[in-house]
């Protein structure tokens, strides 16, 4: 009974370590966060104002701006945002700037933002890149 459990744990550990090596491999492809939002009813303008304020903070901190895409037709979402992955130092700098501008940070900011959305998803991605670059990286 103990041996099958040990084997199972070793298989899980090996698969996790393999995944960690893959994600930690250095590449020239930048990383980004893609967020898809369904905005809470009646909060469209508030949502856009929130991101406009965040864009000003990021600009002052020297962080690349958010790319916003507005839904036109198709699946059920309102906005898709592509944002750079920031470092802890950049996050701290943006918090300093936001506080100076009178914006909320930390948990209060998180709660304020969540009142604006009905649902959202976040995905970390590598790109933009090309199919040819991905083939080269895979070989």
C-alpha atoms as a PDB file:
ATOM      1  CA  UNK A   1       0.000   0.000   0.000  1.00  0.00           C
ATOM      2  CA  UNK A   2       2.836   2.416   0.799  1.00  0.00           C
ATOM      3  CA  UNK A   3       4.745   1.676  -2.406  1.00  0.00           C
ATOM      4  CA  UNK A   4       1.952   2.766  -4.835  1.00  0.00           C
ATOM      5  CA  UNK A   5       1.522   5.988  -2.851  1.00  0.00           C
ATOM      6  CA  UNK A   6       5.257   6.682  -2.989  1.00  0.00           C
ATOM      7  CA  UNK A   7       5.353   5.999  -6.745  1.00  0.00           C
ATOM      8  CA  UNK A   8       2.388   8.307  -7.285  1.00  0.00           C
ATOM      9  CA  UNK A   9       4.041  11.093  -5.291  1.00  0.00           C
ATOM     10  CA  UNK A  10       7.268  10.693  -7.274  1.00  0.00           C
ATOM     11  CA  UNK A  11       5.385  10.882 -10.579  1.00  0.00           C
ATOM     12  CA  UNK A  12       3.581  14.052  -9.464  1.00  0.00           C
ATOM     13  CA  UNK A  13       6.827  15.620  -8.211  1.00  0.00           C
ATOM     14  CA  UNK A  14       8.597  14.803 -11.477  1.00  0.00           C
ATOM     15  CA  UNK A  15       5.801  16.261 -13.578  1.00  0.00           C
ATOM     16  CA  UNK A  16       5.732  19.438 -11.480  1.00  0.00           C
ATOM     17  CA  UNK A  17       9.483  19.892 -11.716  1.00  0.00           C
ATOM     18  CA  UNK A  18       9.356  19.337 -15.491  1.00  0.00           C
ATOM     19  CA  UNK A  19       6.688  22.039 -15.792  1.00  0.00           C
ATOM     20  CA  UNK A  20       8.724  24.401 -13.649  1.00  0.00           C
ATOM     21  CA  UNK A  21      11.789  23.955 -15.876  1.00  0.00           C
ATOM     22  CA  UNK A  22       9.716  24.670 -18.963  1.00  0.00           C
ATOM     23  CA  UNK A  23       8.214  27.861 -17.562  1.00  0.00           C
ATOM     24  CA  UNK A  24      11.520  29.099 -16.177  1.00  0.00           C
ATOM     25  CA  UNK A  25      13.438  28.668 -19.429  1.00  0.00           C
ATOM     26  CA  UNK A  26      14.834  32.002 -20.563  1.00  0.00           C
ATOM     27  CA  UNK A  27      13.501  33.235 -23.881  1.00  0.00           C
ATOM     28  CA  UNK A  28      13.547  36.485 -25.771  1.00  0.00           C
ATOM     29  CA  UNK A  29       9.753  36.442 -25.964  1.00  0.00           C
ATOM     30  CA  UNK A  30       8.182  38.984 -23.592  1.00  0.00           C
ATOM     31  CA  UNK A  31       5.489  37.918 -21.133  1.00  0.00           C
ATOM     32  CA  UNK A  32       2.099  39.568 -20.746  1.00  0.00           C
ATOM     33  CA  UNK A  33      -1.188  39.135 -18.907  1.00  0.00           C
ATOM     34  CA  UNK A  34      -4.389  38.923 -20.925  1.00  0.00           C
ATOM     35  CA  UNK A  35      -7.521  39.768 -18.961  1.00  0.00           C
ATOM     36  CA  UNK A  36     -11.040  39.368 -20.300  1.00  0.00           C
ATOM     37  CA  UNK A  37     -13.744  41.310 -18.467  1.00  0.00           C
ATOM     38  CA  UNK A  38     -17.495  41.241 -18.340  1.00  0.00           C
ATOM     39  CA  UNK A  39     -18.279  44.581 -16.727  1.00  0.00           C
ATOM     40  CA  UNK A  40     -20.953  44.887 -14.043  1.00  0.00           C
ATOM     41  CA  UNK A  41     -24.218  46.354 -15.381  1.00  0.00           C
ATOM     42  CA  UNK A  42     -24.121  50.139 -15.491  1.00  0.00           C
ATOM     43  CA  UNK A  43     -20.400  50.315 -14.641  1.00  0.00           C
ATOM     44  CA  UNK A  44     -18.922  50.639 -18.146  1.00  0.00           C
ATOM     45  CA  UNK A  45     -17.756  54.244 -17.795  1.00  0.00           C
ATOM     46  CA  UNK A  46     -16.447  53.636 -14.254  1.00  0.00           C
ATOM     47  CA  UNK A  47     -14.460  50.648 -15.560  1.00  0.00           C
ATOM     48  CA  UNK A  48     -12.912  52.750 -18.333  1.00  0.00           C
ATOM     49  CA  UNK A  49     -12.128  55.593 -15.921  1.00  0.00           C
ATOM     50  CA  UNK A  50     -10.426  53.118 -13.576  1.00  0.00           C
ATOM     51  CA  UNK A  51      -8.142  51.887 -16.361  1.00  0.00           C
ATOM     52  CA  UNK A  52      -7.486  55.421 -17.614  1.00  0.00           C
ATOM     53  CA  UNK A  53      -6.244  56.334 -14.112  1.00  0.00           C
ATOM     54  CA  UNK A  54      -4.117  53.160 -13.987  1.00  0.00           C
ATOM     55  CA  UNK A  55      -2.681  54.027 -17.391  1.00  0.00           C
ATOM     56  CA  UNK A  56      -1.528  57.418 -16.084  1.00  0.00           C
ATOM     57  CA  UNK A  57       0.131  55.725 -13.106  1.00  0.00           C
ATOM     58  CA  UNK A  58       1.887  53.190 -15.341  1.00  0.00           C
ATOM     59  CA  UNK A  59       3.057  55.911 -17.719  1.00  0.00           C
ATOM     60  CA  UNK A  60       4.572  57.918 -14.872  1.00  0.00           C
ATOM     61  CA  UNK A  61       6.261  54.759 -13.551  1.00  0.00           C
ATOM     62  CA  UNK A  62       7.720  53.966 -16.983  1.00  0.00           C
ATOM     63  CA  UNK A  63       5.634  50.815 -17.425  1.00  0.00           C
ATOM     64  CA  UNK A  64       4.277  49.931 -20.874  1.00  0.00           C
ATOM     65  CA  UNK A  65       0.643  50.942 -21.364  1.00  0.00           C
ATOM     66  CA  UNK A  66      -2.324  48.595 -21.337  1.00  0.00           C
ATOM     67  CA  UNK A  67      -3.718  47.617 -24.732  1.00  0.00           C
ATOM     68  CA  UNK A  68      -7.515  47.645 -24.527  1.00  0.00           C
ATOM     69  CA  UNK A  69      -9.820  45.889 -26.980  1.00  0.00           C
ATOM     70  CA  UNK A  70     -13.558  46.588 -26.876  1.00  0.00           C
ATOM     71  CA  UNK A  71     -16.043  43.852 -27.730  1.00  0.00           C
ATOM     72  CA  UNK A  72     -17.853  44.325 -31.024  1.00  0.00           C
ATOM     73  CA  UNK A  73     -19.568  40.994 -31.637  1.00  0.00           C
ATOM     74  CA  UNK A  74     -19.202  37.343 -30.744  1.00  0.00           C
ATOM     75  CA  UNK A  75     -18.626  35.815 -27.319  1.00  0.00           C
ATOM     76  CA  UNK A  76     -19.921  37.375 -24.098  1.00  0.00           C
ATOM     77  CA  UNK A  77     -17.293  39.817 -22.825  1.00  0.00           C
ATOM     78  CA  UNK A  78     -16.879  43.583 -22.808  1.00  0.00           C
ATOM     79  CA  UNK A  79     -13.142  44.330 -22.771  1.00  0.00           C
ATOM     80  CA  UNK A  80      -9.911  42.461 -23.296  1.00  0.00           C
ATOM     81  CA  UNK A  81      -6.750  43.996 -21.852  1.00  0.00           C
ATOM     82  CA  UNK A  82      -3.167  43.047 -22.623  1.00  0.00           C
ATOM     83  CA  UNK A  83      -0.808  44.193 -19.867  1.00  0.00           C
ATOM     84  CA  UNK A  84       2.904  43.729 -19.281  1.00  0.00           C
ATOM     85  CA  UNK A  85       4.062  41.517 -16.427  1.00  0.00           C
ATOM     86  CA  UNK A  86       5.547  43.937 -13.910  1.00  0.00           C
ATOM     87  CA  UNK A  87       8.373  43.443 -11.438  1.00  0.00           C
ATOM     88  CA  UNK A  88       7.975  43.919  -7.677  1.00  0.00           C
ATOM     89  CA  UNK A  89       9.951  47.178  -7.989  1.00  0.00           C
ATOM     90  CA  UNK A  90       7.588  48.446 -10.692  1.00  0.00           C
ATOM     91  CA  UNK A  91       4.581  47.444  -8.569  1.00  0.00           C
ATOM     92  CA  UNK A  92       5.968  49.374  -5.590  1.00  0.00           C
ATOM     93  CA  UNK A  93       6.647  52.434  -7.761  1.00  0.00           C
ATOM     94  CA  UNK A  94       3.130  52.314  -9.204  1.00  0.00           C
ATOM     95  CA  UNK A  95       1.642  52.013  -5.697  1.00  0.00           C
ATOM     96  CA  UNK A  96       3.622  55.102  -4.603  1.00  0.00           C
ATOM     97  CA  UNK A  97       2.384  57.076  -7.602  1.00  0.00           C
ATOM     98  CA  UNK A  98      -1.216  55.873  -7.172  1.00  0.00           C
ATOM     99  CA  UNK A  99      -1.241  56.869  -3.495  1.00  0.00           C
ATOM    100  CA  UNK A 100       0.194  60.294  -4.367  1.00  0.00           C
ATOM    101  CA  UNK A 101      -2.650  60.718  -6.875  1.00  0.00           C
ATOM    102  CA  UNK A 102      -5.218  59.762  -4.249  1.00  0.00           C
ATOM    103  CA  UNK A 103      -5.959  56.340  -5.745  1.00  0.00           C
ATOM    104  CA  UNK A 104      -6.518  53.258  -3.636  1.00  0.00           C
ATOM    105  CA  UNK A 105      -3.883  50.500  -3.501  1.00  0.00           C
ATOM    106  CA  UNK A 106      -3.730  46.993  -2.076  1.00  0.00           C
ATOM    107  CA  UNK A 107      -6.902  45.325  -0.797  1.00  0.00           C
ATOM    108  CA  UNK A 108      -9.034  48.526  -0.942  1.00  0.00           C
ATOM    109  CA  UNK A 109      -8.115  48.934  -4.633  1.00  0.00           C
ATOM    110  CA  UNK A 110      -8.886  45.286  -5.301  1.00  0.00           C
ATOM    111  CA  UNK A 111     -12.325  45.581  -3.711  1.00  0.00           C
ATOM    112  CA  UNK A 112     -13.052  48.833  -5.552  1.00  0.00           C
ATOM    113  CA  UNK A 113     -12.150  47.205  -8.863  1.00  0.00           C
ATOM    114  CA  UNK A 114     -14.155  44.048  -8.213  1.00  0.00           C
ATOM    115  CA  UNK A 115     -17.282  46.174  -7.826  1.00  0.00           C
ATOM    116  CA  UNK A 116     -16.812  47.142 -11.482  1.00  0.00           C
ATOM    117  CA  UNK A 117     -16.769  43.653 -12.974  1.00  0.00           C
ATOM    118  CA  UNK A 118     -19.270  40.822 -13.146  1.00  0.00           C
ATOM    119  CA  UNK A 119     -16.561  38.317 -14.095  1.00  0.00           C
ATOM    120  CA  UNK A 120     -13.063  38.128 -15.484  1.00  0.00           C
ATOM    121  CA  UNK A 121     -10.289  35.741 -16.440  1.00  0.00           C
ATOM    122  CA  UNK A 122      -6.527  36.249 -16.438  1.00  0.00           C
ATOM    123  CA  UNK A 123      -4.041  34.328 -18.544  1.00  0.00           C
ATOM    124  CA  UNK A 124      -0.256  34.695 -18.641  1.00  0.00           C
ATOM    125  CA  UNK A 125       1.157  34.522 -22.156  1.00  0.00           C
ATOM    126  CA  UNK A 126       4.443  34.727 -24.025  1.00  0.00           C
ATOM    127  CA  UNK A 127       4.377  37.067 -27.001  1.00  0.00           C
ATOM    128  CA  UNK A 128       3.881  38.685 -29.279  1.00  0.00           C
ATOM    129  CA  UNK A 129       5.943  36.321 -31.383  1.00  0.00           C
ATOM    130  CA  UNK A 130       5.604  34.492 -34.665  1.00  0.00           C
ATOM    131  CA  UNK A 131       4.995  30.878 -35.639  1.00  0.00           C
ATOM    132  CA  UNK A 132       8.514  30.731 -37.107  1.00  0.00           C
ATOM    133  CA  UNK A 133      10.052  31.972 -33.839  1.00  0.00           C
ATOM    134  CA  UNK A 134       8.105  29.364 -31.875  1.00  0.00           C
ATOM    135  CA  UNK A 135       9.298  26.601 -34.238  1.00  0.00           C
ATOM    136  CA  UNK A 136      12.898  27.796 -33.761  1.00  0.00           C
ATOM    137  CA  UNK A 137      12.473  27.822 -29.970  1.00  0.00           C
ATOM    138  CA  UNK A 138      11.036  24.314 -30.047  1.00  0.00           C
ATOM    139  CA  UNK A 139      14.033  22.798 -31.847  1.00  0.00           C
END
